[in-house]
Amino acid sequence: MDEAFARLPQPPYYAVIFSSRRNGHDDAGYGAAAQRMVELAAQQPGFLGVESARGADGFGITVSYWESEEAIAAWRRHAEHAATRAHGRVHWYEQYELRVAKVERAYGMPGKSDEE
């Protein structure tokens, strides 16, 4: 399976969709913090996976998947995550939107290399 795709259980589960436009400042600091947040989220109870993409224009979408709304709320309260969010609002983002959705159905097509 392509590592860009999260390996998820059958629904239902929750998706936190973070759409953002970077301001172009401190790319190295942003990259290190983003990697740290994925590593830290993966240690949290209820975390299921993450998928992320960013275009050359600075627009990106990261979707993290969680077992429950309680797990999402606990992640939001995590001290290091909260500090990184606050830093990002000041230093890294021009604009962002966050949405939480319950995934009721999921299906797809396996990658060509998965079929062999």
C-alpha atoms as a PDB file:
ATOM      1  CA  MET A   1       0.000   0.000   0.000  1.00  0.00           C
ATOM      2  CA  ASP A   2       1.185   3.536  -0.772  1.00  0.00           C
ATOM      3  CA  GLU A   3       2.546   5.058   2.450  1.00  0.00           C
ATOM      4  CA  ALA A   4       0.833   8.381   1.642  1.00  0.00           C
ATOM      5  CA  PHE A   5      -2.487   6.683   2.448  1.00  0.00           C
ATOM      6  CA  ALA A   6      -3.446   6.055   6.065  1.00  0.00           C
ATOM      7  CA  ARG A   7      -4.337   2.444   6.886  1.00  0.00           C
ATOM      8  CA  LEU A   8      -7.706   2.785   8.553  1.00  0.00           C
ATOM      9  CA  PRO A   9     -10.283   0.481  10.119  1.00  0.00           C
ATOM     10  CA  GLN A  10     -13.806   0.153   8.806  1.00  0.00           C
ATOM     11  CA  PRO A  11     -15.962   3.196   9.630  1.00  0.00           C
ATOM     12  CA  PRO A  12     -17.291   4.813  11.624  1.00  0.00           C
ATOM     13  CA  TYR A  13     -14.403   7.000  12.760  1.00  0.00           C
ATOM     14  CA  TYR A  14     -13.645  10.719  12.706  1.00  0.00           C
ATOM     15  CA  ALA A  15     -11.586  12.929  10.410  1.00  0.00           C
ATOM     16  CA  VAL A  16     -10.024  16.248  11.412  1.00  0.00           C
ATOM     17  CA  ILE A  17      -9.438  18.201   8.207  1.00  0.00           C
ATOM     18  CA  PHE A  18      -6.902  21.008   8.476  1.00  0.00           C
ATOM     19  CA  SER A  19      -6.691  23.177   5.338  1.00  0.00           C
ATOM     20  CA  SER A  20      -4.066  25.898   5.390  1.00  0.00           C
ATOM     21  CA  ARG A  21      -2.056  28.335   3.365  1.00  0.00           C
ATOM     22  CA  ARG A  22       1.521  28.794   4.538  1.00  0.00           C
ATOM     23  CA  ASN A  23       3.020  32.270   4.633  1.00  0.00           C
ATOM     24  CA  GLY A  24       6.404  31.048   3.356  1.00  0.00           C
ATOM     25  CA  HIS A  25       8.334  31.882   6.539  1.00  0.00           C
ATOM     26  CA  ASP A  26      10.537  29.466   8.485  1.00  0.00           C
ATOM     27  CA  ASP A  27      10.112  26.397   6.272  1.00  0.00           C
ATOM     28  CA  ALA A  28      12.662  24.395   8.283  1.00  0.00           C
ATOM     29  CA  GLY A  29      10.968  25.155  11.604  1.00  0.00           C
ATOM     30  CA  TYR A  30       7.571  24.353  10.147  1.00  0.00           C
ATOM     31  CA  GLY A  31       8.771  21.051   8.702  1.00  0.00           C
ATOM     32  CA  ALA A  32      10.315  19.966  11.991  1.00  0.00           C
ATOM     33  CA  ALA A  33       7.198  20.926  13.942  1.00  0.00           C
ATOM     34  CA  ALA A  34       4.885  19.163  11.480  1.00  0.00           C
ATOM     35  CA  GLN A  35       6.931  15.972  11.749  1.00  0.00           C
ATOM     36  CA  ARG A  36       6.941  16.228  15.554  1.00  0.00           C
ATOM     37  CA  MET A  37       3.145  16.682  15.634  1.00  0.00           C
ATOM     38  CA  VAL A  38       2.614  13.532  13.533  1.00  0.00           C
ATOM     39  CA  GLU A  39       4.967  11.569  15.800  1.00  0.00           C
ATOM     40  CA  LEU A  40       3.233  12.897  18.908  1.00  0.00           C
ATOM     41  CA  ALA A  41      -0.290  12.348  17.550  1.00  0.00           C
ATOM     42  CA  ALA A  42       0.626   8.743  16.731  1.00  0.00           C
ATOM     43  CA  GLN A  43       1.281   8.189  20.451  1.00  0.00           C
ATOM     44  CA  GLN A  44      -2.178   9.426  21.472  1.00  0.00           C
ATOM     45  CA  PRO A  45      -4.970   7.003  22.373  1.00  0.00           C
ATOM     46  CA  GLY A  46      -7.527   6.878  19.570  1.00  0.00           C
ATOM     47  CA  PHE A  47      -5.214   8.074  16.779  1.00  0.00           C
ATOM     48  CA  LEU A  48      -5.746   6.067  13.581  1.00  0.00           C
ATOM     49  CA  GLY A  49      -3.580   7.742  10.935  1.00  0.00           C
ATOM     50  CA  VAL A  50      -2.817  10.850   8.923  1.00  0.00           C
ATOM     51  CA  GLU A  51      -2.643  11.951   5.288  1.00  0.00           C
ATOM     52  CA  SER A  52      -1.111  15.223   4.164  1.00  0.00           C
ATOM     53  CA  ALA A  53      -0.313  17.124   0.978  1.00  0.00           C
ATOM     54  CA  ARG A  54       0.937  20.637   0.210  1.00  0.00           C
ATOM     55  CA  GLY A  55       1.170  22.386  -3.135  1.00  0.00           C
ATOM     56  CA  ALA A  56       3.904  24.703  -4.363  1.00  0.00           C
ATOM     57  CA  ASP A  57       1.556  27.661  -3.758  1.00  0.00           C
ATOM     58  CA  GLY A  58       1.602  26.951   0.002  1.00  0.00           C
ATOM     59  CA  PHE A  59      -1.924  25.505   0.188  1.00  0.00           C
ATOM     60  CA  GLY A  60      -2.087  22.222   2.049  1.00  0.00           C
ATOM     61  CA  ILE A  61      -4.520  19.765   3.569  1.00  0.00           C
ATOM     62  CA  THR A  62      -3.793  17.425   6.440  1.00  0.00           C
ATOM     63  CA  VAL A  63      -6.404  14.919   7.531  1.00  0.00           C
ATOM     64  CA  SER A  64      -5.920  13.114  10.812  1.00  0.00           C
ATOM     65  CA  TYR A  65      -8.173  10.193  11.682  1.00  0.00           C
ATOM     66  CA  TRP A  66      -9.446   9.367  15.181  1.00  0.00           C
ATOM     67  CA  GLU A  67     -11.584   6.730  16.869  1.00  0.00           C
ATOM     68  CA  SER A  68     -13.796   9.237  18.696  1.00  0.00           C
ATOM     69  CA  GLU A  69     -14.572  12.863  19.386  1.00  0.00           C
ATOM     70  CA  GLU A  70     -13.138  12.322  22.877  1.00  0.00           C
ATOM     71  CA  ALA A  71      -9.780  11.323  21.354  1.00  0.00           C
ATOM     72  CA  ILE A  72      -9.853  14.466  19.193  1.00  0.00           C
ATOM     73  CA  ALA A  73     -10.610  16.638  22.232  1.00  0.00           C
ATOM     74  CA  ALA A  74      -7.754  15.041  24.194  1.00  0.00           C
ATOM     75  CA  TRP A  75      -5.354  15.755  21.309  1.00  0.00           C
ATOM     76  CA  ARG A  76      -6.539  19.354  21.185  1.00  0.00           C
ATOM     77  CA  ARG A  77      -5.786  19.713  24.923  1.00  0.00           C
ATOM     78  CA  HIS A  78      -2.296  18.174  24.634  1.00  0.00           C
ATOM     79  CA  ALA A  79       0.107  20.865  25.885  1.00  0.00           C
ATOM     80  CA  GLU A  80       2.785  20.558  23.182  1.00  0.00           C
ATOM     81  CA  HIS A  81       0.158  20.430  20.427  1.00  0.00           C
ATOM     82  CA  ALA A  82      -1.538  23.549  21.852  1.00  0.00           C
ATOM     83  CA  ALA A  83       1.782  25.430  21.989  1.00  0.00           C
ATOM     84  CA  THR A  84       2.631  24.451  18.406  1.00  0.00           C
ATOM     85  CA  ARG A  85      -0.821  25.562  17.183  1.00  0.00           C
ATOM     86  CA  ALA A  86      -0.362  28.950  18.862  1.00  0.00           C
ATOM     87  CA  HIS A  87       3.111  29.339  17.348  1.00  0.00           C
ATOM     88  CA  GLY A  88       1.778  28.395  13.906  1.00  0.00           C
ATOM     89  CA  ARG A  89      -0.975  31.009  13.979  1.00  0.00           C
ATOM     90  CA  VAL A  90       1.655  33.712  14.521  1.00  0.00           C
ATOM     91  CA  HIS A  91       4.579  32.426  12.453  1.00  0.00           C
ATOM     92  CA  TRP A  92       3.564  29.923   9.744  1.00  0.00           C
ATOM     93  CA  TYR A  93       0.031  30.412   8.458  1.00  0.00           C
ATOM     94  CA  GLU A  94      -1.548  33.038   6.289  1.00  0.00           C
ATOM     95  CA  GLN A  95      -4.956  31.363   6.661  1.00  0.00           C
ATOM     96  CA  TYR A  96      -6.423  28.075   7.881  1.00  0.00           C
ATOM     97  CA  GLU A  97      -9.697  26.224   8.378  1.00  0.00           C
ATOM     98  CA  LEU A  98     -10.339  23.194  10.555  1.00  0.00           C
ATOM     99  CA  ARG A  99     -13.270  20.850  10.147  1.00  0.00           C
ATOM    100  CA  VAL A 100     -14.270  17.704  12.043  1.00  0.00           C
ATOM    101  CA  ALA A 101     -16.344  15.063  10.265  1.00  0.00           C
ATOM    102  CA  LYS A 102     -17.665  11.621  11.087  1.00  0.00           C
ATOM    103  CA  VAL A 103     -16.737   9.111   8.399  1.00  0.00           C
ATOM    104  CA  GLU A 104     -19.702   6.805   7.777  1.00  0.00           C
ATOM    105  CA  ARG A 105     -18.483   5.049   4.617  1.00  0.00           C
ATOM    106  CA  ALA A 106     -15.102   4.535   3.006  1.00  0.00           C
ATOM    107  CA  TYR A 107     -14.024   2.668  -0.106  1.00  0.00           C
ATOM    108  CA  GLY A 108     -11.298   2.868  -2.701  1.00  0.00           C
ATOM    109  CA  MET A 109      -9.170   1.133  -5.271  1.00  0.00           C
ATOM    110  CA  PRO A 110      -5.938  -0.633  -4.330  1.00  0.00           C
ATOM    111  CA  GLY A 111      -2.756   0.715  -5.853  1.00  0.00           C
ATOM    112  CA  LYS A 112      -1.370  -1.106  -8.880  1.00  0.00           C
ATOM    113  CA  SER A 113       1.572  -2.453  -6.846  1.00  0.00           C
ATOM    114  CA  ASP A 114      -0.860  -3.803  -4.197  1.00  0.00           C
ATOM    115  CA  GLU A 115      -2.626  -6.009  -6.741  1.00  0.00           C
ATOM    116  CA  GLU A 116       0.449  -8.070  -7.623  1.00  0.00           C
END
